[in-house]
Amino acid sequence: MLTLNTEDLTPVQLQNYLQYAVAPRPICFASTIDSNGNINLSPFSFFNMFSTNPPICVFSPARRVRDNTTKHSLENVLEVPECVINIVNYNMVQQMSLASTEYGKGINEFDKSGFTMQASEVVRPPRVAEAPVQFECVVNQVLPMGDKHGAGNLIIAEIKRIHIQESILDGDGKIDQAKIDLVARLGGDWYCRVTKENLFKVPKPLTTLGIGVDALPLHVRNSTVLTGNDLGMLGNSEVIPDEESCQQILNDKEVRSILDATIGDEHTRIIELHLLAKKYLSEGKFEEALKIVFL
């Protein structure tokens, strides 16, 4: 494993390692305005939500690594502490990237990128009409992380009004994760797209208490077949199956076949049962898989 001391790396090297490793990152497409009415539109991938009540998002226009200068977005919110955070989907990604061009002060990136300015309702910066979700925010605080090349400036923005395109909602009026078609930043020029085909769910153990991986039999924890993800699914089960439940799985044709074919060969039996448990996990048959590993 490569081990690095951050103080031994240049800002460019640090930026490369961090942005490739800490990914994907959601994109804050922020519109801001200065005291003279000059509008700026710029994307930032140092961005996320940090509180629900109050609703807080934080993004960070970092000082430029090459020359340590600051960005217009930062200068604008220090003059007019308001912004709109426009969420970026796939249909916007090329124009959004164009808006990141470092145009001079007073140049409106809405015009350069071809996005439509839409008047906000509670703040002065305009919204991006094409954005599927738009957050009108007031800036509560700006926290500089330092004055060196690449130092961030945390803009703590409180959401005051939310606008959502109805086309991305489901039948219950909630955002449909498959419809919003989000994109996110990776390292360098890389992006990723959140499509229906690469979405998957992991049940959260919020109201349940998983038995934990440490409660699984030793041969399961040391399995050469079952992965960490497999063990995590098994360990998320609420209860260890009792002997009667385990005996019921003996009626499973595939289990019975393995047991009959491996009489006297415990090593092969364990591997084959683990393979079957892995198969059942992939098919969503969690209870059956758990009973198999506890046989």
C-alpha atoms as a PDB file:
ATOM      1  CA  MET A   1       0.000   0.000   0.000  1.00  0.00           C
ATOM      2  CA  LEU A   2       1.276   3.456  -0.947  1.00  0.00           C
ATOM      3  CA  THR A   3       1.570   5.672   2.138  1.00  0.00           C
ATOM      4  CA  LEU A   4       2.014   9.434   1.780  1.00  0.00           C
ATOM      5  CA  ASN A   5       2.630  12.285   4.197  1.00  0.00           C
ATOM      6  CA  THR A   6       0.506  15.234   3.084  1.00  0.00           C
ATOM      7  CA  GLU A   7       3.227  17.729   4.031  1.00  0.00           C
ATOM      8  CA  ASP A   8       5.527  16.071   1.482  1.00  0.00           C
ATOM      9  CA  LEU A   9       3.099  16.644  -1.404  1.00  0.00           C
ATOM     10  CA  THR A  10       2.629  19.750  -3.524  1.00  0.00           C
ATOM     11  CA  PRO A  11      -0.867  21.290  -3.705  1.00  0.00           C
ATOM     12  CA  VAL A  12      -1.234  19.887  -7.233  1.00  0.00           C
ATOM     13  CA  GLN A  13      -0.339  16.369  -6.067  1.00  0.00           C
ATOM     14  CA  LEU A  14      -2.678  16.639  -3.085  1.00  0.00           C
ATOM     15  CA  GLN A  15      -5.511  17.861  -5.274  1.00  0.00           C
ATOM     16  CA  ASN A  16      -5.054  14.924  -7.628  1.00  0.00           C
ATOM     17  CA  TYR A  17      -5.074  12.252  -4.924  1.00  0.00           C
ATOM     18  CA  LEU A  18      -7.963  13.795  -2.998  1.00  0.00           C
ATOM     19  CA  GLN A  19     -10.260  14.450  -5.939  1.00  0.00           C
ATOM     20  CA  TYR A  20      -9.784  10.986  -7.402  1.00  0.00           C
ATOM     21  CA  ALA A  21     -10.284   9.277  -4.025  1.00  0.00           C
ATOM     22  CA  VAL A  22     -13.088  11.392  -2.543  1.00  0.00           C
ATOM     23  CA  ALA A  23     -15.612  10.760  -5.285  1.00  0.00           C
ATOM     24  CA  PRO A  24     -18.213  10.936  -6.611  1.00  0.00           C
ATOM     25  CA  ARG A  25     -18.977  14.431  -5.365  1.00  0.00           C
ATOM     26  CA  PRO A  26     -22.318  16.206  -5.894  1.00  0.00           C
ATOM     27  CA  ILE A  27     -22.138  19.458  -7.822  1.00  0.00           C
ATOM     28  CA  CYS A  28     -23.198  22.837  -6.465  1.00  0.00           C
ATOM     29  CA  PHE A  29     -23.995  25.022  -9.472  1.00  0.00           C
ATOM     30  CA  ALA A  30     -24.057  28.358  -7.665  1.00  0.00           C
ATOM     31  CA  SER A  31     -25.405  31.629  -8.950  1.00  0.00           C
ATOM     32  CA  THR A  32     -24.287  34.723  -7.050  1.00  0.00           C
ATOM     33  CA  ILE A  33     -24.392  38.494  -7.487  1.00  0.00           C
ATOM     34  CA  ASP A  34     -22.149  41.355  -6.408  1.00  0.00           C
ATOM     35  CA  SER A  35     -23.158  44.724  -4.994  1.00  0.00           C
ATOM     36  CA  ASN A  36     -23.116  46.252  -8.501  1.00  0.00           C
ATOM     37  CA  GLY A  37     -25.518  43.662  -9.860  1.00  0.00           C
ATOM     38  CA  ASN A  38     -22.934  41.566 -11.751  1.00  0.00           C
ATOM     39  CA  ILE A  39     -24.100  37.934 -11.900  1.00  0.00           C
ATOM     40  CA  ASN A  40     -21.806  34.926 -11.678  1.00  0.00           C
ATOM     41  CA  LEU A  41     -22.618  31.264 -12.304  1.00  0.00           C
ATOM     42  CA  SER A  42     -20.066  28.609 -11.377  1.00  0.00           C
ATOM     43  CA  PRO A  43     -19.958  24.902 -10.400  1.00  0.00           C
ATOM     44  CA  PHE A  44     -18.262  23.538  -7.272  1.00  0.00           C
ATOM     45  CA  SER A  45     -17.779  19.896  -6.365  1.00  0.00           C
ATOM     46  CA  PHE A  46     -16.666  20.641  -2.807  1.00  0.00           C
ATOM     47  CA  PHE A  47     -20.326  20.560  -1.808  1.00  0.00           C
ATOM     48  CA  ASN A  48     -22.872  18.693   0.268  1.00  0.00           C
ATOM     49  CA  MET A  49     -25.812  19.043   2.677  1.00  0.00           C
ATOM     50  CA  PHE A  50     -24.928  19.191   6.362  1.00  0.00           C
ATOM     51  CA  SER A  51     -28.177  19.826   8.225  1.00  0.00           C
ATOM     52  CA  THR A  52     -31.897  19.277   7.767  1.00  0.00           C
ATOM     53  CA  ASN A  53     -33.229  21.585  10.468  1.00  0.00           C
ATOM     54  CA  PRO A  54     -32.126  24.221   9.695  1.00  0.00           C
ATOM     55  CA  PRO A  55     -31.628  23.136   6.062  1.00  0.00           C
ATOM     56  CA  ILE A  56     -27.943  23.825   5.439  1.00  0.00           C
ATOM     57  CA  CYS A  57     -25.722  23.218   2.427  1.00  0.00           C
ATOM     58  CA  VAL A  58     -22.012  23.956   2.371  1.00  0.00           C
ATOM     59  CA  PHE A  59     -19.841  24.529  -0.675  1.00  0.00           C
ATOM     60  CA  SER A  60     -16.268  25.678  -0.952  1.00  0.00           C
ATOM     61  CA  PRO A  61     -14.739  27.911  -3.629  1.00  0.00           C
ATOM     62  CA  ALA A  62     -11.096  27.031  -3.011  1.00  0.00           C
ATOM     63  CA  ARG A  63      -8.247  29.415  -3.700  1.00  0.00           C
ATOM     64  CA  ARG A  64      -6.752  28.559  -7.088  1.00  0.00           C
ATOM     65  CA  VAL A  65      -3.899  26.090  -6.758  1.00  0.00           C
ATOM     66  CA  ARG A  66      -1.828  27.641  -9.557  1.00  0.00           C
ATOM     67  CA  ASP A  67      -1.757  31.277  -8.396  1.00  0.00           C
ATOM     68  CA  ASN A  68      -3.632  31.473  -5.036  1.00  0.00           C
ATOM     69  CA  THR A  69      -6.293  33.855  -6.344  1.00  0.00           C
ATOM     70  CA  THR A  70      -9.923  33.748  -5.199  1.00  0.00           C
ATOM     71  CA  LYS A  71     -13.038  33.142  -7.288  1.00  0.00           C
ATOM     72  CA  HIS A  72     -15.807  35.568  -8.160  1.00  0.00           C
ATOM     73  CA  SER A  73     -18.408  33.426  -6.376  1.00  0.00           C
ATOM     74  CA  LEU A  74     -16.557  33.881  -3.085  1.00  0.00           C
ATOM     75  CA  GLU A  75     -16.085  37.598  -3.629  1.00  0.00           C
ATOM     76  CA  ASN A  76     -19.767  37.976  -4.495  1.00  0.00           C
ATOM     77  CA  VAL A  77     -21.174  36.260  -1.383  1.00  0.00           C
ATOM     78  CA  LEU A  78     -18.907  38.384   0.793  1.00  0.00           C
ATOM     79  CA  GLU A  79     -20.618  41.442  -0.770  1.00  0.00           C
ATOM     80  CA  VAL A  80     -24.153  40.018  -1.127  1.00  0.00           C
ATOM     81  CA  PRO A  81     -24.625  37.027   1.226  1.00  0.00           C
ATOM     82  CA  GLU A  82     -27.107  35.159  -0.956  1.00  0.00           C
ATOM     83  CA  CYS A  83     -26.904  32.425  -3.585  1.00  0.00           C
ATOM     84  CA  VAL A  84     -28.916  29.880  -5.528  1.00  0.00           C
ATOM     85  CA  ILE A  85     -27.691  26.301  -5.531  1.00  0.00           C
ATOM     86  CA  ASN A  86     -28.839  24.704  -8.767  1.00  0.00           C
ATOM     87  CA  ILE A  87     -28.666  20.905  -8.905  1.00  0.00           C
ATOM     88  CA  VAL A  88     -27.053  19.528 -12.073  1.00  0.00           C
ATOM     89  CA  ASN A  89     -28.411  16.619 -14.113  1.00  0.00           C
ATOM     90  CA  TYR A  90     -27.076  14.939 -17.234  1.00  0.00           C
ATOM     91  CA  ASN A  91     -28.901  17.253 -19.642  1.00  0.00           C
ATOM     92  CA  MET A  92     -26.961  20.205 -18.192  1.00  0.00           C
ATOM     93  CA  VAL A  93     -23.461  18.791 -17.782  1.00  0.00           C
ATOM     94  CA  GLN A  94     -21.760  20.177 -20.899  1.00  0.00           C
ATOM     95  CA  GLN A  95     -23.146  23.700 -20.449  1.00  0.00           C
ATOM     96  CA  MET A  96     -22.346  23.514 -16.740  1.00  0.00           C
ATOM     97  CA  SER A  97     -18.736  22.666 -17.564  1.00  0.00           C
ATOM     98  CA  LEU A  98     -18.584  25.613 -19.977  1.00  0.00           C
ATOM     99  CA  ALA A  99     -19.767  27.896 -17.163  1.00  0.00           C
ATOM    100  CA  SER A 100     -16.676  26.903 -15.159  1.00  0.00           C
ATOM    101  CA  THR A 101     -14.501  28.785 -17.658  1.00  0.00           C
ATOM    102  CA  GLU A 102     -12.701  31.590 -15.853  1.00  0.00           C
ATOM    103  CA  TYR A 103     -14.288  34.545 -17.598  1.00  0.00           C
ATOM    104  CA  GLY A 104     -13.415  38.035 -16.427  1.00  0.00           C
ATOM    105  CA  LYS A 105     -15.204  39.976 -13.721  1.00  0.00           C
ATOM    106  CA  GLY A 106     -18.609  41.175 -14.905  1.00  0.00           C
ATOM    107  CA  ILE A 107     -19.025  38.476 -17.576  1.00  0.00           C
ATOM    108  CA  ASN A 108     -22.335  36.662 -17.092  1.00  0.00           C
ATOM    109  CA  GLU A 109     -21.821  32.890 -17.361  1.00  0.00           C
ATOM    110  CA  PHE A 110     -25.561  32.468 -17.976  1.00  0.00           C
ATOM    111  CA  ASP A 111     -24.979  34.127 -21.355  1.00  0.00           C
ATOM    112  CA  LYS A 112     -21.757  32.258 -22.091  1.00  0.00           C
ATOM    113  CA  SER A 113     -23.157  28.824 -21.236  1.00  0.00           C
ATOM    114  CA  GLY A 114     -26.606  29.399 -22.731  1.00  0.00           C
ATOM    115  CA  PHE A 115     -28.590  28.775 -19.561  1.00  0.00           C
ATOM    116  CA  THR A 116     -31.837  30.614 -18.886  1.00  0.00           C
ATOM    117  CA  MET A 117     -31.946  33.095 -16.006  1.00  0.00           C
ATOM    118  CA  GLN A 118     -35.096  32.776 -13.921  1.00  0.00           C
ATOM    119  CA  ALA A 119     -35.884  35.342 -11.246  1.00  0.00           C
ATOM    120  CA  SER A 120     -35.635  34.068  -7.686  1.00  0.00           C
ATOM    121  CA  GLU A 121     -38.382  34.796  -5.183  1.00  0.00           C
ATOM    122  CA  VAL A 122     -36.545  35.492  -1.917  1.00  0.00           C
ATOM    123  CA  VAL A 123     -32.925  36.173  -2.937  1.00  0.00           C
ATOM    124  CA  ARG A 124     -31.265  38.404  -5.540  1.00  0.00           C
ATOM    125  CA  PRO A 125     -29.203  35.930  -7.626  1.00  0.00           C
ATOM    126  CA  PRO A 126     -31.243  34.291 -10.406  1.00  0.00           C
ATOM    127  CA  ARG A 127     -31.972  30.589 -10.732  1.00  0.00           C
ATOM    128  CA  VAL A 128     -30.966  28.279 -13.586  1.00  0.00           C
ATOM    129  CA  ALA A 129     -34.316  27.498 -15.182  1.00  0.00           C
ATOM    130  CA  GLU A 130     -33.027  24.219 -16.632  1.00  0.00           C
ATOM    131  CA  ALA A 131     -31.972  22.840 -13.235  1.00  0.00           C
ATOM    132  CA  PRO A 132     -34.286  20.092 -11.913  1.00  0.00           C
ATOM    133  CA  VAL A 133     -33.956  21.420  -8.355  1.00  0.00           C
ATOM    134  CA  GLN A 134     -33.098  24.956  -7.243  1.00  0.00           C
ATOM    135  CA  PHE A 135     -32.349  26.070  -3.681  1.00  0.00           C
ATOM    136  CA  GLU A 136     -32.662  29.767  -2.868  1.00  0.00           C
ATOM    137  CA  CYS A 137     -30.249  30.384   0.004  1.00  0.00           C
ATOM    138  CA  VAL A 138     -28.973  33.037   2.348  1.00  0.00           C
ATOM    139  CA  VAL A 139     -25.325  32.783   3.349  1.00  0.00           C
ATOM    140  CA  ASN A 140     -25.005  32.480   7.116  1.00  0.00           C
ATOM    141  CA  GLN A 141     -21.226  32.324   7.314  1.00  0.00           C
ATOM    142  CA  VAL A 142     -18.045  32.110   5.260  1.00  0.00           C
ATOM    143  CA  LEU A 143     -15.179  30.228   6.912  1.00  0.00           C
ATOM    144  CA  PRO A 144     -11.737  30.504   5.283  1.00  0.00           C
ATOM    145  CA  MET A 145      -9.624  27.368   5.700  1.00  0.00           C
ATOM    146  CA  GLY A 146      -6.357  29.242   5.142  1.00  0.00           C
ATOM    147  CA  ASP A 147      -4.563  31.626   2.815  1.00  0.00           C
ATOM    148  CA  LYS A 148      -2.363  29.193   0.905  1.00  0.00           C
ATOM    149  CA  HIS A 149      -2.776  27.756  -2.601  1.00  0.00           C
ATOM    150  CA  GLY A 150      -5.796  25.425  -2.688  1.00  0.00           C
ATOM    151  CA  ALA A 151      -7.232  26.539   0.663  1.00  0.00           C
ATOM    152  CA  GLY A 152     -11.006  26.238   0.824  1.00  0.00           C
ATOM    153  CA  ASN A 153     -13.596  28.781   1.898  1.00  0.00           C
ATOM    154  CA  LEU A 154     -16.649  27.142   3.403  1.00  0.00           C
ATOM    155  CA  ILE A 155     -19.823  28.962   2.400  1.00  0.00           C
ATOM    156  CA  ILE A 156     -22.557  27.923   4.822  1.00  0.00           C
ATOM    157  CA  ALA A 157     -25.836  28.478   3.008  1.00  0.00           C
ATOM    158  CA  GLU A 158     -29.283  28.140   4.559  1.00  0.00           C
ATOM    159  CA  ILE A 159     -32.007  27.050   2.151  1.00  0.00           C
ATOM    160  CA  LYS A 160     -35.033  29.342   2.245  1.00  0.00           C
ATOM    161  CA  ARG A 161     -37.037  28.174  -0.773  1.00  0.00           C
ATOM    162  CA  ILE A 162     -36.965  25.027  -2.904  1.00  0.00           C
ATOM    163  CA  HIS A 163     -38.112  24.711  -6.512  1.00  0.00           C
ATOM    164  CA  ILE A 164     -38.509  21.253  -8.081  1.00  0.00           C
ATOM    165  CA  GLN A 165     -39.448  20.368 -11.641  1.00  0.00           C
ATOM    166  CA  GLU A 166     -42.575  18.241 -11.536  1.00  0.00           C
ATOM    167  CA  SER A 167     -41.202  15.917 -14.230  1.00  0.00           C
ATOM    168  CA  ILE A 168     -38.793  14.333 -11.710  1.00  0.00           C
ATOM    169  CA  LEU A 169     -41.460  13.581  -9.088  1.00  0.00           C
ATOM    170  CA  ASP A 170     -43.068  10.215  -8.417  1.00  0.00           C
ATOM    171  CA  GLY A 171     -46.745   9.551  -7.746  1.00  0.00           C
ATOM    172  CA  ASP A 172     -46.374  10.626  -4.116  1.00  0.00           C
ATOM    173  CA  GLY A 173     -44.851  13.986  -4.989  1.00  0.00           C
ATOM    174  CA  LYS A 174     -41.346  12.926  -3.936  1.00  0.00           C
ATOM    175  CA  ILE A 175     -38.206  13.120  -6.046  1.00  0.00           C
ATOM    176  CA  ASP A 176     -37.774   9.937  -8.070  1.00  0.00           C
ATOM    177  CA  GLN A 177     -34.089   8.997  -7.878  1.00  0.00           C
ATOM    178  CA  ALA A 178     -34.240   7.369 -11.304  1.00  0.00           C
ATOM    179  CA  LYS A 179     -35.873  10.365 -12.995  1.00  0.00           C
ATOM    180  CA  ILE A 180     -33.602  13.151 -11.770  1.00  0.00           C
ATOM    181  CA  ASP A 181     -30.623  11.734 -13.746  1.00  0.00           C
ATOM    182  CA  LEU A 182     -27.924  13.285 -11.565  1.00  0.00           C
ATOM    183  CA  VAL A 183     -24.267  13.651 -12.457  1.00  0.00           C
ATOM    184  CA  ALA A 184     -21.325  13.922 -10.069  1.00  0.00           C
ATOM    185  CA  ARG A 185     -17.653  14.869 -10.233  1.00  0.00           C
ATOM    186  CA  LEU A 186     -14.771  12.469 -10.007  1.00  0.00           C
ATOM    187  CA  GLY A 187     -11.064  13.214 -10.459  1.00  0.00           C
ATOM    188  CA  GLY A 188      -9.631  15.209 -13.353  1.00  0.00           C
ATOM    189  CA  ASP A 189     -12.072  15.449 -16.269  1.00  0.00           C
ATOM    190  CA  TRP A 190     -14.114  12.465 -15.078  1.00  0.00           C
ATOM    191  CA  TYR A 191     -17.827  12.538 -14.217  1.00  0.00           C
ATOM    192  CA  CYS A 192     -20.356   9.842 -13.447  1.00  0.00           C
ATOM    193  CA  ARG A 193     -24.060   9.592 -14.218  1.00  0.00           C
ATOM    194  CA  VAL A 194     -26.658   8.191 -11.824  1.00  0.00           C
ATOM    195  CA  THR A 195     -28.888   6.116 -14.072  1.00  0.00           C
ATOM    196  CA  LYS A 196     -31.655   3.672 -13.259  1.00  0.00           C
ATOM    197  CA  GLU A 197     -29.398   0.806 -14.360  1.00  0.00           C
ATOM    198  CA  ASN A 198     -26.710   1.515 -11.755  1.00  0.00           C
ATOM    199  CA  LEU A 199     -29.003   2.290  -8.818  1.00  0.00           C
ATOM    200  CA  PHE A 200     -29.274  -0.199  -5.979  1.00  0.00           C
ATOM    201  CA  LYS A 201     -30.708  -0.195  -2.473  1.00  0.00           C
ATOM    202  CA  VAL A 202     -29.089  -1.150   0.824  1.00  0.00           C
ATOM    203  CA  PRO A 203     -31.597  -1.524   3.690  1.00  0.00           C
ATOM    204  CA  LYS A 204     -30.665   0.834   6.538  1.00  0.00           C
ATOM    205  CA  PRO A 205     -30.580  -0.740  10.027  1.00  0.00           C
ATOM    206  CA  LEU A 206     -32.250   2.272  11.627  1.00  0.00           C
ATOM    207  CA  THR A 207     -35.056   0.559  13.528  1.00  0.00           C
ATOM    208  CA  THR A 208     -33.506  -2.899  13.630  1.00  0.00           C
ATOM    209  CA  LEU A 209     -30.439  -4.283  15.388  1.00  0.00           C
ATOM    210  CA  GLY A 210     -28.320  -6.482  13.147  1.00  0.00           C
ATOM    211  CA  ILE A 211     -26.666  -9.532  14.672  1.00  0.00           C
ATOM    212  CA  GLY A 212     -23.319  -8.333  13.275  1.00  0.00           C
ATOM    213  CA  VAL A 213     -20.613 -10.121  11.346  1.00  0.00           C
ATOM    214  CA  ASP A 214     -19.046 -11.249  14.623  1.00  0.00           C
ATOM    215  CA  ALA A 215     -22.133 -13.401  15.301  1.00  0.00           C
ATOM    216  CA  LEU A 216     -21.634 -15.415  12.119  1.00  0.00           C
ATOM    217  CA  PRO A 217     -19.932 -18.830  12.313  1.00  0.00           C
ATOM    218  CA  LEU A 218     -16.145 -18.732  12.044  1.00  0.00           C
ATOM    219  CA  HIS A 219     -16.118 -20.634   8.758  1.00  0.00           C
ATOM    220  CA  VAL A 220     -18.396 -17.952   7.318  1.00  0.00           C
ATOM    221  CA  ARG A 221     -16.239 -15.062   8.539  1.00  0.00           C
ATOM    222  CA  ASN A 222     -13.174 -16.774   7.072  1.00  0.00           C
ATOM    223  CA  SER A 223     -14.897 -17.761   3.846  1.00  0.00           C
ATOM    224  CA  THR A 224     -12.951 -17.622   0.597  1.00  0.00           C
ATOM    225  CA  VAL A 225     -16.241 -17.364  -1.275  1.00  0.00           C
ATOM    226  CA  LEU A 226     -18.343 -14.823   0.598  1.00  0.00           C
ATOM    227  CA  THR A 227     -17.262 -11.191   0.195  1.00  0.00           C
ATOM    228  CA  GLY A 228     -17.390  -8.375   2.708  1.00  0.00           C
ATOM    229  CA  ASN A 229     -20.643  -7.220   1.128  1.00  0.00           C
ATOM    230  CA  ASP A 230     -22.076 -10.710   1.574  1.00  0.00           C
ATOM    231  CA  LEU A 231     -21.049 -10.769   5.233  1.00  0.00           C
ATOM    232  CA  GLY A 232     -22.557  -7.322   5.708  1.00  0.00           C
ATOM    233  CA  MET A 233     -25.907  -8.509   4.380  1.00  0.00           C
ATOM    234  CA  LEU A 234     -25.853 -11.586   6.611  1.00  0.00           C
ATOM    235  CA  GLY A 235     -24.821  -9.540   9.628  1.00  0.00           C
ATOM    236  CA  ASN A 236     -27.707  -7.130   9.040  1.00  0.00           C
ATOM    237  CA  SER A 237     -30.192  -9.884   9.899  1.00  0.00           C
ATOM    238  CA  GLU A 238     -32.084  -9.235  13.119  1.00  0.00           C
ATOM    239  CA  VAL A 239     -31.933 -12.733  14.612  1.00  0.00           C
ATOM    240  CA  ILE A 240     -29.834 -15.853  14.381  1.00  0.00           C
ATOM    241  CA  PRO A 241     -32.010 -18.626  12.933  1.00  0.00           C
ATOM    242  CA  ASP A 242     -32.865 -21.330  15.450  1.00  0.00           C
ATOM    243  CA  GLU A 243     -32.162 -24.995  14.904  1.00  0.00           C
ATOM    244  CA  GLU A 244     -35.682 -25.693  13.687  1.00  0.00           C
ATOM    245  CA  SER A 245     -35.420 -22.971  11.029  1.00  0.00           C
ATOM    246  CA  CYS A 246     -32.090 -24.314   9.867  1.00  0.00           C
ATOM    247  CA  GLN A 247     -33.536 -27.808   9.612  1.00  0.00           C
ATOM    248  CA  GLN A 248     -36.248 -26.464   7.311  1.00  0.00           C
ATOM    249  CA  ILE A 249     -33.660 -25.374   4.756  1.00  0.00           C
ATOM    250  CA  LEU A 250     -32.675 -29.040   4.402  1.00  0.00           C
ATOM    251  CA  ASN A 251     -35.821 -29.375   2.264  1.00  0.00           C
ATOM    252  CA  ASP A 252     -34.262 -27.047  -0.297  1.00  0.00           C
ATOM    253  CA  LYS A 253     -33.358 -29.164  -3.336  1.00  0.00           C
ATOM    254  CA  GLU A 254     -30.036 -27.425  -3.938  1.00  0.00           C
ATOM    255  CA  VAL A 255     -29.022 -27.739  -0.285  1.00  0.00           C
ATOM    256  CA  ARG A 256     -29.973 -31.404  -0.239  1.00  0.00           C
ATOM    257  CA  SER A 257     -28.006 -32.041  -3.426  1.00  0.00           C
ATOM    258  CA  ILE A 258     -24.860 -30.448  -1.965  1.00  0.00           C
ATOM    259  CA  LEU A 259     -25.134 -32.402   1.287  1.00  0.00           C
ATOM    260  CA  ASP A 260     -25.624 -35.707  -0.533  1.00  0.00           C
ATOM    261  CA  ALA A 261     -22.725 -35.067  -2.916  1.00  0.00           C
ATOM    262  CA  THR A 262     -20.211 -34.064  -0.236  1.00  0.00           C
ATOM    263  CA  ILE A 263     -20.598 -36.799   2.380  1.00  0.00           C
ATOM    264  CA  GLY A 264     -17.219 -37.192   4.061  1.00  0.00           C
ATOM    265  CA  ASP A 265     -15.778 -34.068   2.362  1.00  0.00           C
ATOM    266  CA  GLU A 266     -16.369 -31.213   4.800  1.00  0.00           C
ATOM    267  CA  HIS A 267     -14.106 -28.746   2.955  1.00  0.00           C
ATOM    268  CA  THR A 268     -15.964 -29.064  -0.352  1.00  0.00           C
ATOM    269  CA  ARG A 269     -19.314 -29.038   1.466  1.00  0.00           C
ATOM    270  CA  ILE A 270     -18.563 -25.677   3.103  1.00  0.00           C
ATOM    271  CA  ILE A 271     -17.417 -24.125  -0.177  1.00  0.00           C
ATOM    272  CA  GLU A 272     -20.494 -25.366  -2.057  1.00  0.00           C
ATOM    273  CA  LEU A 273     -22.855 -24.168   0.668  1.00  0.00           C
ATOM    274  CA  HIS A 274     -21.152 -20.769   0.693  1.00  0.00           C
ATOM    275  CA  LEU A 275     -21.540 -20.548  -3.078  1.00  0.00           C
ATOM    276  CA  LEU A 276     -25.235 -21.341  -2.750  1.00  0.00           C
ATOM    277  CA  ALA A 277     -25.655 -18.783   0.039  1.00  0.00           C
ATOM    278  CA  LYS A 278     -23.923 -16.208  -2.154  1.00  0.00           C
ATOM    279  CA  LYS A 279     -26.280 -17.032  -5.008  1.00  0.00           C
ATOM    280  CA  TYR A 280     -29.325 -16.659  -2.772  1.00  0.00           C
ATOM    281  CA  LEU A 281     -28.071 -13.312  -1.480  1.00  0.00           C
ATOM    282  CA  SER A 282     -27.755 -12.061  -5.050  1.00  0.00           C
ATOM    283  CA  GLU A 283     -31.360 -13.135  -5.642  1.00  0.00           C
ATOM    284  CA  GLY A 284     -32.615 -11.362  -2.519  1.00  0.00           C
ATOM    285  CA  LYS A 285     -33.267 -14.605  -0.616  1.00  0.00           C
ATOM    286  CA  PHE A 286     -31.660 -13.352   2.596  1.00  0.00           C
ATOM    287  CA  GLU A 287     -33.443 -15.665   5.047  1.00  0.00           C
ATOM    288  CA  GLU A 288     -32.543 -18.762   3.037  1.00  0.00           C
ATOM    289  CA  ALA A 289     -28.913 -17.663   2.777  1.00  0.00           C
ATOM    290  CA  LEU A 290     -28.713 -17.042   6.529  1.00  0.00           C
ATOM    291  CA  LYS A 291     -30.120 -20.497   7.315  1.00  0.00           C
ATOM    292  CA  ILE A 292     -27.590 -22.108   4.972  1.00  0.00           C
ATOM    293  CA  VAL A 293     -24.556 -20.506   6.638  1.00  0.00           C
ATOM    294  CA  PHE A 294     -25.862 -21.522  10.084  1.00  0.00           C
ATOM    295  CA  LEU A 295     -26.377 -25.179   9.114  1.00  0.00           C
END
